[in-house]
């Protein structure tokens, strides 16, 4: 009888340990509070972005999305998803880590790309962190 009691006690203890470890493993390490800076830019020069805006000329040919995170504990995946007039154009998976907490993606513009755009910034579980909206004009 005591053996049965010890076995079930150990089993319950072991299951609790597994549940506890699983909670820590699935902890959301990246959330919107850790997103320090985000912008759409028309120029990228040696890891510095210039000319943040919400309206861009089609003559630029290229636009950048930059996101900077703070207090990154470990490596994680961030998604930049580019939409033009609510149609998916590009999805870019980017890695951040304690050493690389600033990431960017880009889109090349064509003459037909005038109009409303948005970039959705998602965490590795595809939860929304931020939506950046901008327009491309003549």
N, C-alpha and C. Protein backbone atom coordinates (compact mmCIF):
# COMPACT_ATOMS: atom_id res chain seq x y z
N UNK A 1 0.82 -1.20 0.00
CA UNK A 1 0.00 0.00 0.00
C UNK A 1 0.87 1.26 0.00
N UNK A 2 1.93 1.28 0.83
CA UNK A 2 2.82 2.44 0.87
C UNK A 2 3.52 2.65 -0.46
N UNK A 3 3.85 1.57 -1.13
CA UNK A 3 4.51 1.67 -2.42
C UNK A 3 3.60 2.36 -3.43
N UNK A 4 2.34 2.02 -3.40
CA UNK A 4 1.35 2.64 -4.29
C UNK A 4 1.24 4.14 -3.99
N UNK A 5 1.22 4.50 -2.71
CA UNK A 5 1.13 5.89 -2.29
C UNK A 5 2.35 6.68 -2.78
N UNK A 6 3.55 6.13 -2.58
CA UNK A 6 4.78 6.80 -3.02
C UNK A 6 4.82 6.94 -4.54
N UNK A 7 4.36 5.91 -5.21
CA UNK A 7 4.35 5.96 -6.68
C UNK A 7 3.45 7.10 -7.18
N UNK A 8 2.25 7.19 -6.65
CA UNK A 8 1.33 8.25 -7.09
C UNK A 8 1.81 9.63 -6.66
N UNK A 9 2.42 9.72 -5.49
CA UNK A 9 2.99 11.00 -5.05
C UNK A 9 4.10 11.45 -5.99
N UNK A 10 4.98 10.52 -6.33
CA UNK A 10 6.06 10.83 -7.27
C UNK A 10 5.49 11.21 -8.63
N UNK A 11 4.50 10.51 -9.10
CA UNK A 11 3.88 10.78 -10.40
C UNK A 11 3.28 12.18 -10.43
N UNK A 12 2.57 12.56 -9.40
CA UNK A 12 1.97 13.90 -9.33
C UNK A 12 3.06 14.96 -9.27
N UNK A 13 4.09 14.72 -8.48
CA UNK A 13 5.21 15.65 -8.40
C UNK A 13 5.88 15.81 -9.77
N UNK A 14 6.13 14.73 -10.45
CA UNK A 14 6.76 14.74 -11.77
C UNK A 14 5.91 15.50 -12.79
N UNK A 15 4.61 15.28 -12.79
CA UNK A 15 3.70 15.98 -13.72
C UNK A 15 3.71 17.48 -13.44
N UNK A 16 3.72 17.87 -12.18
CA UNK A 16 3.78 19.29 -11.83
C UNK A 16 5.08 19.93 -12.30
N UNK A 17 6.18 19.23 -12.18
CA UNK A 17 7.46 19.74 -12.67
C UNK A 17 7.41 19.94 -14.18
N UNK A 18 6.87 18.98 -14.90
CA UNK A 18 6.76 19.10 -16.36
C UNK A 18 5.88 20.28 -16.74
N UNK A 19 4.77 20.45 -16.09
CA UNK A 19 3.88 21.59 -16.37
C UNK A 19 4.59 22.91 -16.08
N UNK A 20 5.29 22.99 -14.98
CA UNK A 20 6.01 24.21 -14.62
C UNK A 20 7.09 24.54 -15.65
N UNK A 21 7.86 23.56 -16.05
CA UNK A 21 8.90 23.79 -17.05
C UNK A 21 8.30 24.19 -18.39
N UNK A 22 7.19 23.62 -18.74
CA UNK A 22 6.52 23.97 -19.99
C UNK A 22 6.02 25.41 -19.96
N UNK A 23 5.57 25.86 -18.82
CA UNK A 23 5.12 27.26 -18.70
C UNK A 23 6.28 28.21 -18.95
N UNK A 24 7.45 27.92 -18.39
CA UNK A 24 8.61 28.78 -18.61
C UNK A 24 9.10 28.70 -20.05
N UNK A 25 9.04 27.55 -20.64
CA UNK A 25 9.50 27.39 -22.03
C UNK A 25 8.62 28.14 -23.00
N UNK A 26 7.33 28.23 -22.71
CA UNK A 26 6.40 28.90 -23.62
C UNK A 26 6.16 30.35 -23.26
N UNK A 27 6.94 30.86 -22.33
CA UNK A 27 6.78 32.26 -21.94
C UNK A 27 7.03 33.16 -23.14
N UNK A 28 6.15 34.12 -23.35
CA UNK A 28 6.29 35.04 -24.48
C UNK A 28 7.44 35.99 -24.21
N UNK A 29 8.59 35.72 -24.84
CA UNK A 29 9.76 36.55 -24.57
C UNK A 29 9.70 37.87 -25.31
N UNK A 30 8.93 37.95 -26.36
CA UNK A 30 8.81 39.18 -27.13
C UNK A 30 7.35 39.63 -27.08
N UNK A 31 7.13 40.84 -26.63
CA UNK A 31 5.79 41.39 -26.64
C UNK A 31 5.87 42.86 -27.04
N UNK A 32 4.74 43.49 -27.16
CA UNK A 32 4.72 44.88 -27.64
C UNK A 32 5.43 45.83 -26.69
N UNK A 33 5.55 45.47 -25.40
CA UNK A 33 6.29 46.32 -24.46
C UNK A 33 7.78 46.37 -24.78
N UNK A 34 8.28 45.33 -25.42
CA UNK A 34 9.71 45.27 -25.76
C UNK A 34 10.01 45.91 -27.11
N UNK A 35 8.99 46.32 -27.83
CA UNK A 35 9.18 46.99 -29.11
C UNK A 35 9.43 48.47 -28.84
N UNK A 36 10.70 48.87 -28.91
CA UNK A 36 11.10 50.22 -28.54
C UNK A 36 10.88 51.24 -29.66
N UNK A 37 11.22 50.85 -30.88
CA UNK A 37 11.12 51.78 -32.00
C UNK A 37 10.69 51.02 -33.25
N UNK A 38 9.87 51.67 -34.06
CA UNK A 38 9.42 51.09 -35.32
C UNK A 38 9.19 52.23 -36.29
N UNK A 39 9.52 51.99 -37.55
CA UNK A 39 9.34 53.05 -38.54
C UNK A 39 9.44 52.50 -39.95
N UNK A 40 8.85 53.26 -40.86
CA UNK A 40 9.02 53.04 -42.29
C UNK A 40 9.92 54.17 -42.77
N UNK A 41 10.95 53.82 -43.54
CA UNK A 41 11.99 54.78 -43.92
C UNK A 41 12.30 54.69 -45.41
N UNK A 42 12.82 55.78 -45.93
CA UNK A 42 13.19 55.78 -47.35
C UNK A 42 14.67 55.63 -47.59
N UNK A 43 15.49 55.64 -46.54
CA UNK A 43 16.93 55.50 -46.71
C UNK A 43 17.52 54.68 -45.58
N UNK A 44 18.55 53.93 -45.92
CA UNK A 44 19.25 53.10 -44.95
C UNK A 44 20.74 53.30 -45.17
N UNK A 45 21.40 53.85 -44.16
CA UNK A 45 22.84 54.14 -44.27
C UNK A 45 23.53 53.58 -43.03
N UNK A 46 24.34 52.56 -43.21
CA UNK A 46 25.15 51.94 -42.14
C UNK A 46 24.39 51.79 -40.82
N UNK A 47 23.36 51.01 -40.84
CA UNK A 47 22.54 50.68 -39.68
C UNK A 47 21.79 51.87 -39.08
N UNK A 48 21.77 52.99 -39.77
CA UNK A 48 20.99 54.14 -39.34
C UNK A 48 19.92 54.41 -40.40
N UNK A 49 18.71 54.63 -39.96
CA UNK A 49 17.63 54.93 -40.88
C UNK A 49 17.36 56.42 -40.86
N UNK A 50 17.06 56.94 -42.03
CA UNK A 50 16.80 58.37 -42.17
C UNK A 50 15.45 58.57 -42.85
N UNK A 51 14.89 59.73 -42.60
CA UNK A 51 13.67 60.15 -43.29
C UNK A 51 12.48 59.23 -43.05
N UNK A 52 12.13 59.07 -41.79
CA UNK A 52 10.92 58.33 -41.44
C UNK A 52 9.73 59.13 -41.95
N UNK A 53 8.72 58.42 -42.43
CA UNK A 53 7.56 59.12 -42.96
C UNK A 53 6.37 58.16 -43.03
N UNK A 54 5.22 58.70 -43.45
CA UNK A 54 4.05 57.87 -43.73
C UNK A 54 3.60 58.02 -45.18
N UNK A 55 4.27 58.91 -45.92
CA UNK A 55 3.99 59.11 -47.35
C UNK A 55 5.33 59.09 -48.09
N UNK A 56 5.40 58.26 -49.14
CA UNK A 56 6.64 58.10 -49.90
C UNK A 56 6.37 58.23 -51.39
N UNK A 57 7.36 58.74 -52.12
CA UNK A 57 7.26 58.86 -53.57
C UNK A 57 7.61 57.54 -54.23
N UNK A 58 6.93 57.23 -55.31
CA UNK A 58 7.19 56.01 -56.07
C UNK A 58 8.60 56.04 -56.68
N UNK A 59 9.18 57.22 -56.80
CA UNK A 59 10.52 57.34 -57.39
C UNK A 59 11.62 56.76 -56.48
N UNK A 60 11.30 56.49 -55.22
CA UNK A 60 12.30 55.94 -54.30
C UNK A 60 12.76 54.53 -54.69
N UNK A 61 11.85 53.76 -55.23
CA UNK A 61 12.13 52.39 -55.67
C UNK A 61 12.32 51.39 -54.53
N UNK A 62 12.61 51.85 -53.30
CA UNK A 62 12.80 50.93 -52.18
C UNK A 62 12.40 51.62 -50.88
N UNK A 63 11.71 50.85 -50.00
CA UNK A 63 11.28 51.36 -48.70
C UNK A 63 11.67 50.32 -47.65
N UNK A 64 12.03 50.79 -46.45
CA UNK A 64 12.50 49.91 -45.38
C UNK A 64 11.55 49.97 -44.18
N UNK A 65 11.42 48.85 -43.51
CA UNK A 65 10.72 48.78 -42.23
C UNK A 65 11.75 48.40 -41.18
N UNK A 66 11.87 49.22 -40.13
CA UNK A 66 12.84 48.97 -39.06
C UNK A 66 12.10 48.77 -37.75
N UNK A 67 12.53 47.75 -37.00
CA UNK A 67 12.00 47.53 -35.65
C UNK A 67 13.18 47.31 -34.71
N UNK A 68 13.10 47.95 -33.54
CA UNK A 68 14.14 47.82 -32.52
C UNK A 68 13.47 47.35 -31.23
N UNK A 69 14.05 46.33 -30.62
CA UNK A 69 13.51 45.76 -29.39
C UNK A 69 14.47 46.02 -28.23
N UNK A 70 13.93 46.01 -27.02
CA UNK A 70 14.75 46.15 -25.83
C UNK A 70 14.60 44.91 -24.96
N UNK A 71 15.59 44.68 -24.12
CA UNK A 71 15.56 43.56 -23.17
C UNK A 71 15.24 42.22 -23.82
N UNK A 72 15.93 41.91 -24.90
CA UNK A 72 15.74 40.63 -25.58
C UNK A 72 16.53 39.59 -24.80
N UNK A 73 15.82 38.59 -24.25
CA UNK A 73 16.45 37.59 -23.40
C UNK A 73 17.14 36.48 -24.18
N UNK A 74 16.49 36.05 -25.26
CA UNK A 74 17.06 34.97 -26.07
C UNK A 74 16.56 35.11 -27.50
N UNK A 75 17.12 34.31 -28.37
CA UNK A 75 16.79 34.40 -29.79
C UNK A 75 15.31 34.14 -30.03
N UNK A 76 14.73 34.92 -30.92
CA UNK A 76 13.32 34.76 -31.27
C UNK A 76 13.11 35.18 -32.72
N UNK A 77 12.01 34.76 -33.28
CA UNK A 77 11.67 35.10 -34.66
C UNK A 77 10.62 36.20 -34.66
N UNK A 78 10.84 37.20 -35.49
CA UNK A 78 9.88 38.28 -35.70
C UNK A 78 9.50 38.27 -37.18
N UNK A 79 8.25 38.54 -37.48
CA UNK A 79 7.78 38.56 -38.86
C UNK A 79 7.44 40.00 -39.27
N UNK A 80 7.91 40.40 -40.43
CA UNK A 80 7.46 41.63 -41.09
C UNK A 80 6.62 41.18 -42.27
N UNK A 81 5.33 41.50 -42.23
CA UNK A 81 4.43 41.08 -43.30
C UNK A 81 3.93 42.32 -44.02
N UNK A 82 4.28 42.43 -45.30
CA UNK A 82 3.97 43.61 -46.12
C UNK A 82 2.69 43.37 -46.91
N UNK A 83 1.75 44.34 -46.81
CA UNK A 83 0.49 44.28 -47.55
C UNK A 83 0.34 45.53 -48.41
N UNK A 84 -0.14 45.34 -49.61
CA UNK A 84 -0.50 46.45 -50.50
C UNK A 84 -1.97 46.30 -50.83
N UNK A 85 -2.76 47.31 -50.47
CA UNK A 85 -4.21 47.27 -50.66
C UNK A 85 -4.80 45.96 -50.13
N UNK A 86 -4.40 45.58 -48.93
CA UNK A 86 -4.87 44.38 -48.23
C UNK A 86 -4.49 43.07 -48.91
N UNK A 87 -3.57 43.09 -49.85
CA UNK A 87 -3.06 41.87 -50.49
C UNK A 87 -1.65 41.60 -49.99
N UNK A 88 -1.41 40.37 -49.55
CA UNK A 88 -0.08 40.00 -49.07
C UNK A 88 0.92 40.10 -50.21
N UNK A 89 2.00 40.86 -49.96
CA UNK A 89 3.05 41.05 -50.96
C UNK A 89 4.32 40.30 -50.57
N UNK A 90 4.68 40.39 -49.30
CA UNK A 90 5.94 39.79 -48.87
C UNK A 90 5.87 39.48 -47.38
N UNK A 91 6.46 38.35 -46.99
CA UNK A 91 6.61 38.02 -45.58
C UNK A 91 8.07 37.71 -45.33
N UNK A 92 8.62 38.39 -44.34
CA UNK A 92 10.04 38.23 -44.03
C UNK A 92 10.17 37.77 -42.58
N UNK A 93 10.83 36.63 -42.38
CA UNK A 93 11.14 36.15 -41.04
C UNK A 93 12.51 36.68 -40.65
N UNK A 94 12.59 37.29 -39.47
CA UNK A 94 13.83 37.89 -39.01
C UNK A 94 14.14 37.40 -37.60
N UNK A 95 15.41 37.19 -37.32
CA UNK A 95 15.83 36.73 -35.99
C UNK A 95 16.35 37.89 -35.17
N UNK A 96 15.89 37.93 -33.92
CA UNK A 96 16.46 38.87 -32.96
C UNK A 96 17.10 38.06 -31.84
N UNK A 97 18.04 38.68 -31.18
CA UNK A 97 18.74 38.03 -30.07
C UNK A 97 19.28 39.12 -29.16
N UNK A 98 19.86 38.74 -28.01
CA UNK A 98 20.44 39.78 -27.14
C UNK A 98 21.52 40.60 -27.84
N UNK A 99 22.18 40.02 -28.83
CA UNK A 99 23.23 40.74 -29.55
C UNK A 99 22.69 41.46 -30.78
N UNK A 100 21.55 41.02 -31.31
CA UNK A 100 20.99 41.63 -32.52
C UNK A 100 19.51 41.93 -32.26
N UNK A 101 19.24 43.08 -31.72
CA UNK A 101 17.89 43.46 -31.33
C UNK A 101 17.25 44.46 -32.29
N UNK A 102 17.97 44.83 -33.34
CA UNK A 102 17.45 45.74 -34.36
C UNK A 102 17.36 44.98 -35.68
N UNK A 103 16.19 44.99 -36.28
CA UNK A 103 15.99 44.25 -37.53
C UNK A 103 15.27 45.12 -38.55
N UNK A 104 15.44 44.77 -39.81
CA UNK A 104 14.76 45.53 -40.85
C UNK A 104 14.46 44.63 -42.05
N UNK A 105 13.47 45.05 -42.80
CA UNK A 105 13.13 44.40 -44.07
C UNK A 105 12.88 45.51 -45.08
N UNK A 106 12.79 45.13 -46.33
CA UNK A 106 12.61 46.13 -47.37
C UNK A 106 11.67 45.61 -48.45
N UNK A 107 11.15 46.54 -49.22
CA UNK A 107 10.31 46.21 -50.37
C UNK A 107 10.75 47.09 -51.53
N UNK A 108 10.84 46.48 -52.70
CA UNK A 108 11.16 47.24 -53.91
C UNK A 108 9.84 47.66 -54.56
N UNK A 109 9.75 48.92 -54.91
CA UNK A 109 8.51 49.47 -55.46
C UNK A 109 8.52 49.44 -56.99
N UNK A 110 7.32 49.19 -57.54
CA UNK A 110 7.10 49.28 -58.98
C UNK A 110 6.12 50.43 -59.24
N UNK A 111 6.04 50.86 -60.44
CA UNK A 111 5.15 51.97 -60.81
C UNK A 111 3.70 51.70 -60.41
N UNK A 112 3.31 50.44 -60.41
CA UNK A 112 1.92 50.08 -60.09
C UNK A 112 1.65 49.98 -58.58
N UNK A 113 2.64 50.27 -57.75
CA UNK A 113 2.50 50.11 -56.30
C UNK A 113 2.03 51.36 -55.57
N UNK A 114 1.44 52.30 -56.27
CA UNK A 114 0.92 53.51 -55.62
C UNK A 114 -0.35 53.16 -54.86
N UNK A 115 -0.45 53.71 -53.66
CA UNK A 115 -1.65 53.47 -52.86
C UNK A 115 -1.31 53.12 -51.42
N UNK A 116 -2.30 52.57 -50.68
CA UNK A 116 -2.11 52.28 -49.25
C UNK A 116 -1.33 50.98 -49.03
N UNK A 117 -0.42 51.03 -48.05
CA UNK A 117 0.40 49.90 -47.64
C UNK A 117 0.31 49.74 -46.13
N UNK A 118 0.67 48.56 -45.67
CA UNK A 118 0.86 48.35 -44.23
C UNK A 118 1.88 47.23 -44.02
N UNK A 119 2.57 47.31 -42.90
CA UNK A 119 3.47 46.25 -42.47
C UNK A 119 2.99 45.80 -41.09
N UNK A 120 2.73 44.51 -40.96
CA UNK A 120 2.35 43.95 -39.68
C UNK A 120 3.60 43.32 -39.06
N UNK A 121 3.87 43.68 -37.82
CA UNK A 121 5.00 43.12 -37.09
C UNK A 121 4.42 42.10 -36.11
N UNK A 122 4.83 40.83 -36.28
CA UNK A 122 4.29 39.73 -35.48
C UNK A 122 5.41 39.03 -34.72
N UNK A 123 5.06 38.45 -33.57
CA UNK A 123 6.04 37.66 -32.83
C UNK A 123 6.10 36.25 -33.41
N UNK A 124 6.90 35.37 -32.79
CA UNK A 124 7.09 34.04 -33.36
C UNK A 124 5.85 33.17 -33.27
N UNK A 125 4.90 33.53 -32.43
CA UNK A 125 3.63 32.81 -32.37
C UNK A 125 2.56 33.52 -33.18
N UNK A 126 3.01 34.47 -34.00
CA UNK A 126 2.18 35.22 -34.94
C UNK A 126 1.15 36.11 -34.25
N UNK A 127 1.52 36.60 -33.06
CA UNK A 127 0.68 37.59 -32.37
C UNK A 127 1.11 38.96 -32.83
N UNK A 128 0.14 39.84 -33.02
CA UNK A 128 0.39 41.19 -33.51
C UNK A 128 1.12 42.02 -32.47
N UNK A 129 2.24 42.62 -32.89
CA UNK A 129 2.95 43.56 -32.04
C UNK A 129 2.67 45.00 -32.46
N UNK A 130 2.61 45.23 -33.77
CA UNK A 130 2.39 46.59 -34.28
C UNK A 130 1.96 46.52 -35.74
N UNK A 131 1.17 47.52 -36.16
CA UNK A 131 0.82 47.71 -37.57
C UNK A 131 1.34 49.09 -37.98
N UNK A 132 2.14 49.12 -39.03
CA UNK A 132 2.67 50.38 -39.57
C UNK A 132 1.97 50.65 -40.90
N UNK A 133 1.35 51.80 -41.03
CA UNK A 133 0.61 52.15 -42.25
C UNK A 133 1.32 53.30 -42.96
N UNK A 134 1.33 53.24 -44.30
CA UNK A 134 1.93 54.31 -45.09
C UNK A 134 1.35 54.28 -46.50
N UNK A 135 1.62 55.33 -47.26
CA UNK A 135 1.13 55.40 -48.63
C UNK A 135 2.27 55.70 -49.58
N UNK A 136 2.13 55.20 -50.80
CA UNK A 136 3.07 55.50 -51.88
C UNK A 136 2.32 56.34 -52.92
N UNK A 137 2.93 57.46 -53.29
CA UNK A 137 2.29 58.39 -54.23
C UNK A 137 3.23 58.69 -55.39
N UNK A 138 2.78 59.54 -56.32
CA UNK A 138 3.62 59.93 -57.47
C UNK A 138 4.91 60.57 -57.08
